[in-house]
Amino acid sequence: MRIALFAETYLPQRNGVALILDRLIAHLTAHGHEVLLAVPVSWRPRGTAPPRPGLRVVRVPGVPLPRYPDLTIALPWAPRVLDSVTAFRPDVIHLVTEYSLGLTGLQAARALGVRTLASFHTNIPGYLPYYGAGWAAERCWDYLRWFHNQAEVTFCPSETSRTELVSRGFRNVRVWPRGVDTGRFRPGPRATARGRGDPLRLLYVGRLTPEKDLPVLFDAYDRLRTAPRVRPLELTLVGDGAYTGVMRTRAPRDVRFAGYLEGEALSAAYAAADLFVFPSRSETLGNVVLEALASGLPVIGVSEGGTVENVRDGVNGVLCEPGDPDAFAAGIRRLADDDDLRGRMGANARAWAESRSWDAAFAPLVTAYEALGRR
């Protein structure tokens, strides 16, 4: 098949959508499909993604998104895109993101009479209150509902997200789940192999931005550091973002900021940790949660958003009341103080991840491509 993808983000940008999109392209091209990708490039040089056989890339001029300089908004209705898509003759168009390039993809689909599907990755309305724009959340939902209902089907990454989208009037919503590479992310030596007096290693991986609720984690960690009869703890944050400086100022002084890691360095960071701590309530899934589970890490998360898709309270992690540092601290302490429970949850975490292959994750999406392309 010939599949045209319209996305506001791609490599070398560092975010979950860009990484999943690259994995999707690798899967499609490895199975003999041809792919055209329309993505923005900012006015500043950003580098290019590594070439893949079977992939054609159309880069559209754009400008950096305020407060998210790693993301770029493309200029809409770029003529070069329609010319390229016309020459490519796609069987189906996938609107990966909903904004400028998504609208351009809709325009191309209508001009060419090609059927479309869309994907919902990021809960932007849920982010807005963190930036003082909560008043705009319902307007944002109105736009997203209108956009997604132009497509024949919308895919989202979790049943939690699907339920919310359906409740908001989105039509024909299906789940496109996520997989994890269990060869790359695997368990390492845990604290049970170290002395009882050695620090227990807590790990967070993700953007260092307001919507991740990191102050909840910082406050919980601070409470545990000063509480009596608590095992020594270490907290490492892996990731970066426009708010890294703000987070450094807000964090307790002994928190380690490791920066953005990838490849074996990222795998090693997971493998060296004992618990994964993830306070975000705005996730549509949380790819890093699956990476942590594959690494044999019990997850301390919250009972809201996409984290609940993969974390089973008391089985492979602990789910806490969102926004509550005391509850989050209690969840960490529960596992910090019980080596046997932590070991059982870690084994359950790995078993859960082993059932989440990428081939199985991409199957419903490819099936939809084929169904839409045949009509």
Protein backbone atom coordinates (compact mmCIF):
# COMPACT_ATOMS: atom_id res chain seq x y z
CA MET A 1 0.00 0.00 0.00
CA ARG A 2 0.92 3.67 -0.34
CA ILE A 3 0.30 5.52 2.92
CA ALA A 4 0.63 9.29 3.38
CA LEU A 5 1.31 10.48 6.94
CA PHE A 6 0.80 14.07 8.09
CA ALA A 7 2.50 14.88 11.39
CA GLU A 8 3.52 17.99 13.29
CA THR A 9 6.54 16.21 14.79
CA TYR A 10 9.22 13.72 13.79
CA LEU A 11 12.86 12.97 14.42
CA PRO A 12 15.15 14.54 15.53
CA GLN A 13 12.56 16.01 17.90
CA ARG A 14 12.40 14.29 21.28
CA ASN A 15 8.89 13.28 22.23
CA GLY A 16 6.74 10.18 22.34
CA VAL A 17 4.80 10.93 19.15
CA ALA A 18 7.99 11.40 17.11
CA LEU A 19 9.46 8.13 18.40
CA ILE A 20 6.26 6.14 17.81
CA LEU A 21 5.91 7.63 14.33
CA ASP A 22 9.45 6.53 13.47
CA ARG A 23 8.70 3.03 14.74
CA LEU A 24 5.49 2.96 12.67
CA ILE A 25 7.38 3.99 9.54
CA ALA A 26 10.00 1.31 10.19
CA HIS A 27 7.24 -1.29 10.57
CA LEU A 28 5.43 -0.22 7.41
CA THR A 29 8.48 -0.03 5.20
CA ALA A 30 9.81 -3.36 6.53
CA HIS A 31 6.55 -4.96 5.39
CA GLY A 32 6.78 -3.54 1.87
CA HIS A 33 4.53 -0.50 2.16
CA GLU A 34 5.48 2.84 0.63
CA VAL A 35 5.25 5.86 2.93
CA LEU A 36 5.09 9.59 2.27
CA LEU A 37 5.65 11.73 5.37
CA ALA A 38 4.78 15.43 5.50
CA VAL A 39 6.42 17.15 8.47
CA PRO A 40 7.42 20.71 9.38
CA VAL A 41 10.92 22.09 9.52
CA SER A 42 11.51 25.24 11.56
CA TRP A 43 13.19 28.32 10.17
CA ARG A 44 16.21 27.27 12.23
CA PRO A 45 18.11 24.20 11.02
CA ARG A 46 16.99 21.15 12.96
CA GLY A 47 18.79 18.32 11.22
CA THR A 48 17.10 15.52 9.34
CA ALA A 49 15.85 12.07 10.20
CA PRO A 50 17.94 9.13 9.00
CA PRO A 51 16.75 7.96 5.57
CA ARG A 52 14.67 4.80 5.37
CA PRO A 53 14.11 2.77 2.22
CA GLY A 54 10.51 3.17 1.13
CA LEU A 55 10.09 6.55 2.85
CA ARG A 56 9.69 9.91 1.12
CA VAL A 57 9.74 13.06 3.26
CA VAL A 58 8.15 16.42 2.39
CA ARG A 59 9.35 19.18 4.73
CA VAL A 60 7.10 22.18 5.19
CA PRO A 61 8.36 25.54 6.52
CA GLY A 62 7.22 26.28 10.04
CA VAL A 63 7.89 28.19 13.23
CA PRO A 64 8.72 26.96 16.76
CA LEU A 65 5.80 26.59 19.14
CA PRO A 66 5.92 29.09 22.03
CA ARG A 67 6.96 27.42 25.33
CA TYR A 68 7.71 24.23 23.36
CA PRO A 69 10.68 25.24 21.19
CA ASP A 70 11.35 21.58 20.30
CA LEU A 71 8.04 21.51 18.41
CA THR A 72 7.31 23.31 15.16
CA ILE A 73 3.99 24.39 13.67
CA ALA A 74 3.98 24.11 9.88
CA LEU A 75 2.63 26.85 7.67
CA PRO A 76 -0.77 25.64 6.41
CA TRP A 77 -1.79 24.81 2.85
CA ALA A 78 1.78 24.55 1.51
CA PRO A 79 1.45 23.93 -2.27
CA ARG A 80 4.46 21.61 -2.29
CA VAL A 81 2.54 19.17 -0.07
CA LEU A 82 -0.43 18.79 -2.39
CA ASP A 83 1.89 18.41 -5.40
CA SER A 84 3.88 15.70 -3.61
CA VAL A 85 0.80 13.83 -2.39
CA THR A 86 -0.77 13.97 -5.87
CA ALA A 87 2.37 12.47 -7.39
CA PHE A 88 2.54 9.81 -4.65
CA ARG A 89 -1.06 8.63 -5.24
CA PRO A 90 -1.76 7.36 -1.70
CA ASP A 91 -4.25 4.60 -0.95
CA VAL A 92 -4.99 6.14 2.46
CA ILE A 93 -4.05 9.28 4.40
CA HIS A 94 -3.24 9.13 8.11
CA LEU A 95 -3.62 12.41 10.01
CA VAL A 96 -1.13 11.73 12.80
CA THR A 97 -1.60 15.12 14.49
CA GLU A 98 -4.50 17.52 14.42
CA TYR A 99 -3.17 20.98 13.79
CA SER A 100 -1.69 22.78 10.79
CA LEU A 101 -0.41 19.75 8.91
CA GLY A 102 -3.47 17.74 9.90
CA LEU A 103 -5.63 20.35 8.20
CA THR A 104 -3.34 20.23 5.17
CA GLY A 105 -3.81 16.46 5.11
CA LEU A 106 -7.58 16.88 5.17
CA GLN A 107 -7.36 19.31 2.27
CA ALA A 108 -5.24 16.83 0.28
CA ALA A 109 -7.63 13.96 1.03
CA ARG A 110 -10.62 15.94 -0.20
CA ALA A 111 -8.83 17.13 -3.32
CA LEU A 112 -7.75 13.60 -4.24
CA GLY A 113 -10.79 11.67 -3.00
CA VAL A 114 -8.65 9.61 -0.61
CA ARG A 115 -10.05 8.20 2.63
CA THR A 116 -8.55 9.25 5.96
CA LEU A 117 -8.00 8.06 9.50
CA ALA A 118 -6.70 10.14 12.39
CA SER A 119 -4.83 9.43 15.60
CA PHE A 120 -5.15 11.11 18.99
CA HIS A 121 -1.87 11.07 20.91
CA THR A 122 -1.75 14.03 23.27
CA ASN A 123 -4.32 15.45 25.67
CA ILE A 124 -3.64 19.10 24.85
CA PRO A 125 -6.82 20.33 26.61
CA GLY A 126 -5.57 18.63 29.76
CA TYR A 127 -2.27 20.50 29.50
CA LEU A 128 -3.79 23.97 29.20
CA PRO A 129 -4.54 24.56 32.91
CA TYR A 130 -0.84 24.04 33.67
CA TYR A 131 -0.03 27.04 31.45
CA GLY A 132 -2.72 29.39 32.77
CA ALA A 133 -5.06 28.70 29.84
CA GLY A 134 -7.59 26.37 31.38
CA TRP A 135 -10.32 28.68 30.08
CA ALA A 136 -9.51 27.46 26.55
CA ALA A 137 -9.78 23.74 27.26
CA GLU A 138 -13.41 23.34 26.12
CA ARG A 139 -12.75 25.33 22.96
CA CYS A 140 -9.81 23.06 22.25
CA TRP A 141 -12.03 20.00 22.73
CA ASP A 142 -14.57 21.53 20.31
CA TYR A 143 -11.90 21.86 17.65
CA LEU A 144 -10.48 18.38 18.23
CA ARG A 145 -13.95 16.82 18.05
CA TRP A 146 -14.65 18.62 14.77
CA PHE A 147 -11.28 17.60 13.32
CA HIS A 148 -11.44 13.93 14.28
CA ASN A 149 -15.00 13.57 13.10
CA GLN A 150 -13.84 14.54 9.59
CA ALA A 151 -11.87 11.27 9.49
CA GLU A 152 -13.52 7.89 9.05
CA VAL A 153 -11.94 6.48 12.21
CA THR A 154 -9.85 7.85 15.07
CA PHE A 155 -7.24 5.75 16.86
CA CYS A 156 -6.09 6.51 20.41
CA PRO A 157 -3.53 4.67 22.54
CA SER A 158 -5.66 3.37 25.41
CA GLU A 159 -9.15 2.36 26.45
CA THR A 160 -9.01 5.18 29.01
CA SER A 161 -8.56 7.69 26.20
CA ARG A 162 -11.19 6.03 24.03
CA THR A 163 -13.77 6.30 26.80
CA GLU A 164 -13.10 10.01 27.26
CA LEU A 165 -13.18 10.76 23.54
CA VAL A 166 -16.48 8.91 23.05
CA SER A 167 -17.98 10.78 26.02
CA ARG A 168 -17.01 14.03 24.29
CA GLY A 169 -18.76 13.19 21.04
CA PHE A 170 -15.89 11.73 18.99
CA ARG A 171 -17.21 9.15 16.54
CA ASN A 172 -15.81 5.73 15.58
CA VAL A 173 -12.92 5.70 18.08
CA ARG A 174 -10.71 2.62 18.29
CA VAL A 175 -7.62 1.71 20.30
CA TRP A 176 -4.21 1.56 18.66
CA PRO A 177 -2.20 0.12 21.57
CA ARG A 178 1.52 0.48 22.18
CA GLY A 179 4.22 -2.13 22.35
CA VAL A 180 7.63 -2.22 23.96
CA ASP A 181 10.98 -3.68 22.92
CA THR A 182 11.61 -6.25 25.65
CA GLY A 183 15.04 -7.02 24.23
CA ARG A 184 16.19 -3.44 24.60
CA PHE A 185 14.44 -2.78 27.93
CA ARG A 186 15.20 -5.58 30.36
CA PRO A 187 15.71 -6.06 34.11
CA GLY A 188 19.01 -5.38 35.80
CA PRO A 189 20.39 -5.97 39.33
CA ARG A 190 18.02 -4.62 41.96
CA ALA A 191 18.44 -3.27 45.47
CA THR A 192 17.86 -6.74 46.92
CA ALA A 193 21.36 -7.54 45.67
CA ARG A 194 22.73 -4.53 47.57
CA GLY A 195 23.00 -3.87 51.26
CA ARG A 196 19.94 -2.83 53.24
CA GLY A 197 21.59 0.49 54.03
CA ASP A 198 22.25 1.32 50.36
CA PRO A 199 19.91 3.89 48.79
CA LEU A 200 16.88 2.70 46.86
CA ARG A 201 16.99 4.19 43.38
CA LEU A 202 13.90 6.03 42.12
CA LEU A 203 13.68 6.90 38.42
CA TYR A 204 11.51 9.30 36.39
CA VAL A 205 11.74 9.45 32.59
CA GLY A 206 9.90 12.07 30.53
CA ARG A 207 9.67 15.73 29.64
CA LEU A 208 10.48 18.20 32.40
CA THR A 209 7.37 20.30 31.88
CA PRO A 210 4.49 21.49 34.10
CA GLU A 211 1.89 18.97 32.89
CA LYS A 212 3.98 16.07 34.22
CA ASP A 213 3.11 17.05 37.84
CA LEU A 214 6.73 16.81 38.96
CA PRO A 215 6.18 19.01 42.05
CA VAL A 216 4.04 16.15 43.43
CA LEU A 217 7.02 13.83 43.07
CA PHE A 218 9.43 16.40 44.55
CA ASP A 219 7.21 16.96 47.58
CA ALA A 220 6.73 13.23 48.12
CA TYR A 221 10.48 12.64 47.89
CA ASP A 222 11.19 15.50 50.29
CA ARG A 223 8.77 14.03 52.84
CA LEU A 224 10.45 10.63 52.65
CA ARG A 225 13.97 12.04 52.94
CA THR A 226 13.14 13.63 56.27
CA ALA A 227 10.79 10.94 57.64
CA PRO A 228 12.05 8.62 60.41
CA ARG A 229 12.88 4.98 59.71
CA VAL A 230 12.73 5.27 55.92
CA ARG A 231 15.28 3.51 53.77
CA PRO A 232 17.71 5.97 52.08
CA LEU A 233 16.48 7.05 48.64
CA GLU A 234 17.98 8.52 45.47
CA LEU A 235 15.91 10.21 42.76
CA THR A 236 17.09 10.56 39.15
CA LEU A 237 15.22 12.44 36.42
CA VAL A 238 15.90 11.49 32.80
CA GLY A 239 14.65 13.99 30.22
CA ASP A 240 14.72 17.66 29.36
CA GLY A 241 12.43 20.40 28.15
CA ALA A 242 11.84 24.11 28.10
CA TYR A 243 11.16 24.06 31.86
CA THR A 244 14.29 22.17 32.97
CA GLY A 245 15.64 25.25 34.74
CA VAL A 246 12.37 25.74 36.60
CA MET A 247 12.35 22.09 37.67
CA ARG A 248 15.95 22.29 38.89
CA THR A 249 14.97 25.23 41.07
CA ARG A 250 11.89 23.43 42.39
CA ALA A 251 13.53 20.04 43.09
CA PRO A 252 15.20 19.03 46.37
CA ARG A 253 18.92 19.67 46.22
CA ASP A 254 20.08 16.05 45.94
CA VAL A 255 17.88 15.15 42.94
CA ARG A 256 20.02 14.11 39.98
CA PHE A 257 19.19 15.52 36.53
CA ALA A 258 20.62 13.12 33.93
CA GLY A 259 19.40 15.00 30.84
CA TYR A 260 17.99 13.36 27.73
CA LEU A 261 19.18 9.76 27.25
CA GLU A 262 18.57 7.34 24.40
CA GLY A 263 19.75 3.94 23.19
CA GLU A 264 21.77 1.84 25.60
CA ALA A 265 22.21 4.76 28.00
CA LEU A 266 18.44 4.93 28.50
CA SER A 267 18.13 1.15 28.86
CA ALA A 268 20.91 1.19 31.44
CA ALA A 269 19.17 3.92 33.44
CA TYR A 270 16.04 1.80 33.73
CA ALA A 271 18.03 -1.33 34.53
CA ALA A 272 19.92 0.40 37.36
CA ALA A 273 16.76 1.67 39.09
CA ASP A 274 14.54 0.00 41.68
CA LEU A 275 11.25 1.89 41.29
CA PHE A 276 9.73 3.98 38.52
CA VAL A 277 7.92 7.09 39.74
CA PHE A 278 5.46 8.81 37.41
CA PRO A 279 3.04 11.39 38.88
CA SER A 280 1.52 12.63 35.59
CA ARG A 281 -2.29 12.55 35.36
CA SER A 282 -2.58 13.87 31.77
CA GLU A 283 -1.17 10.88 29.86
CA THR A 284 -3.07 9.24 27.04
CA LEU A 285 -0.90 6.16 27.72
CA GLY A 286 2.65 6.85 28.92
CA ASN A 287 5.16 4.97 26.74
CA VAL A 288 7.80 5.29 29.45
CA VAL A 289 5.58 3.27 31.78
CA LEU A 290 5.79 0.30 29.41
CA GLU A 291 9.57 0.73 29.16
CA ALA A 292 9.80 0.69 32.97
CA LEU A 293 7.61 -2.42 33.24
CA ALA A 294 9.75 -4.19 30.63
CA SER A 295 12.78 -3.32 32.76
CA GLY A 296 11.21 -5.12 35.71
CA LEU A 297 10.38 -1.92 37.60
CA PRO A 298 7.25 -1.62 39.70
CA VAL A 299 5.55 1.69 38.85
CA ILE A 300 4.32 4.27 41.35
CA GLY A 301 1.74 6.21 39.34
CA VAL A 302 -1.63 7.90 39.70
CA SER A 303 -5.14 6.56 39.23
CA GLU A 304 -6.00 8.94 36.40
CA GLY A 305 -5.11 9.05 32.71
CA GLY A 306 -3.40 6.45 30.56
CA THR A 307 -1.12 5.09 33.29
CA VAL A 308 -3.99 2.91 34.50
CA GLU A 309 -3.93 1.09 31.14
CA ASN A 310 -0.80 -0.81 32.14
CA VAL A 311 -0.35 -0.45 35.90
CA ARG A 312 -2.42 -2.84 38.02
CA ASP A 313 -2.57 -1.60 41.59
CA GLY A 314 -0.93 -4.12 43.93
CA VAL A 315 0.16 -6.36 41.03
CA ASN A 316 2.86 -4.53 39.04
CA GLY A 317 2.78 -1.19 40.80
CA VAL A 318 0.88 1.19 43.04
CA LEU A 319 -1.73 3.73 41.91
CA CYS A 320 -2.13 6.83 44.07
CA GLU A 321 -4.58 9.69 44.29
CA PRO A 322 -3.51 12.24 41.63
CA GLY A 323 -2.00 15.48 42.87
CA ASP A 324 -1.47 14.15 46.43
CA PRO A 325 2.19 14.15 47.59
CA ASP A 326 1.32 12.29 50.81
CA ALA A 327 -0.35 9.47 48.89
CA PHE A 328 2.54 9.32 46.46
CA ALA A 329 5.05 9.19 49.33
CA ALA A 330 3.05 6.38 50.96
CA GLY A 331 3.13 4.41 47.69
CA ILE A 332 6.89 4.75 47.43
CA ARG A 333 7.39 3.85 51.08
CA ARG A 334 5.20 0.76 50.77
CA LEU A 335 7.55 -0.74 48.20
CA ALA A 336 10.76 0.72 49.59
CA ASP A 337 10.18 -1.10 52.86
CA ASP A 338 9.26 -4.50 51.39
CA ASP A 339 11.93 -6.18 49.25
CA ASP A 340 9.81 -9.28 48.64
CA LEU A 341 6.77 -7.32 47.47
CA ARG A 342 8.94 -5.17 45.22
CA GLY A 343 10.51 -8.30 43.73
CA ARG A 344 7.11 -9.91 43.03
CA MET A 345 5.78 -6.74 41.45
CA GLY A 346 8.92 -6.42 39.34
CA ALA A 347 8.45 -9.96 38.00
CA ASN A 348 4.79 -9.19 37.26
CA ALA A 349 5.85 -5.97 35.53
CA ARG A 350 8.17 -7.85 33.19
CA ALA A 351 5.53 -10.50 32.44
CA TRP A 352 3.00 -7.80 31.56
CA ALA A 353 5.43 -6.10 29.17
CA GLU A 354 6.32 -9.37 27.46
CA SER A 355 2.74 -9.60 26.16
CA ARG A 356 2.97 -6.14 24.51
CA SER A 357 4.76 -6.69 21.19
CA TRP A 358 5.03 -3.97 18.57
CA ASP A 359 3.76 -6.26 15.80
CA ALA A 360 0.55 -6.85 17.76
CA ALA A 361 0.29 -3.12 18.52
CA PHE A 362 0.45 -2.12 14.85
CA ALA A 363 -1.99 -4.80 13.64
CA PRO A 364 -5.27 -2.86 14.14
CA LEU A 365 -3.82 0.22 12.45
CA VAL A 366 -2.58 -1.70 9.40
CA THR A 367 -5.91 -3.53 9.18
CA ALA A 368 -7.68 -0.15 9.06
CA TYR A 369 -5.30 1.10 6.36
CA GLU A 370 -6.13 -1.93 4.24
CA ALA A 371 -9.89 -1.62 4.79
CA LEU A 372 -9.97 2.07 3.88
CA GLY A 373 -7.65 1.61 0.90
CA ARG A 374 -9.85 -1.10 -0.66
CA ARG A 375 -13.00 1.04 -0.81
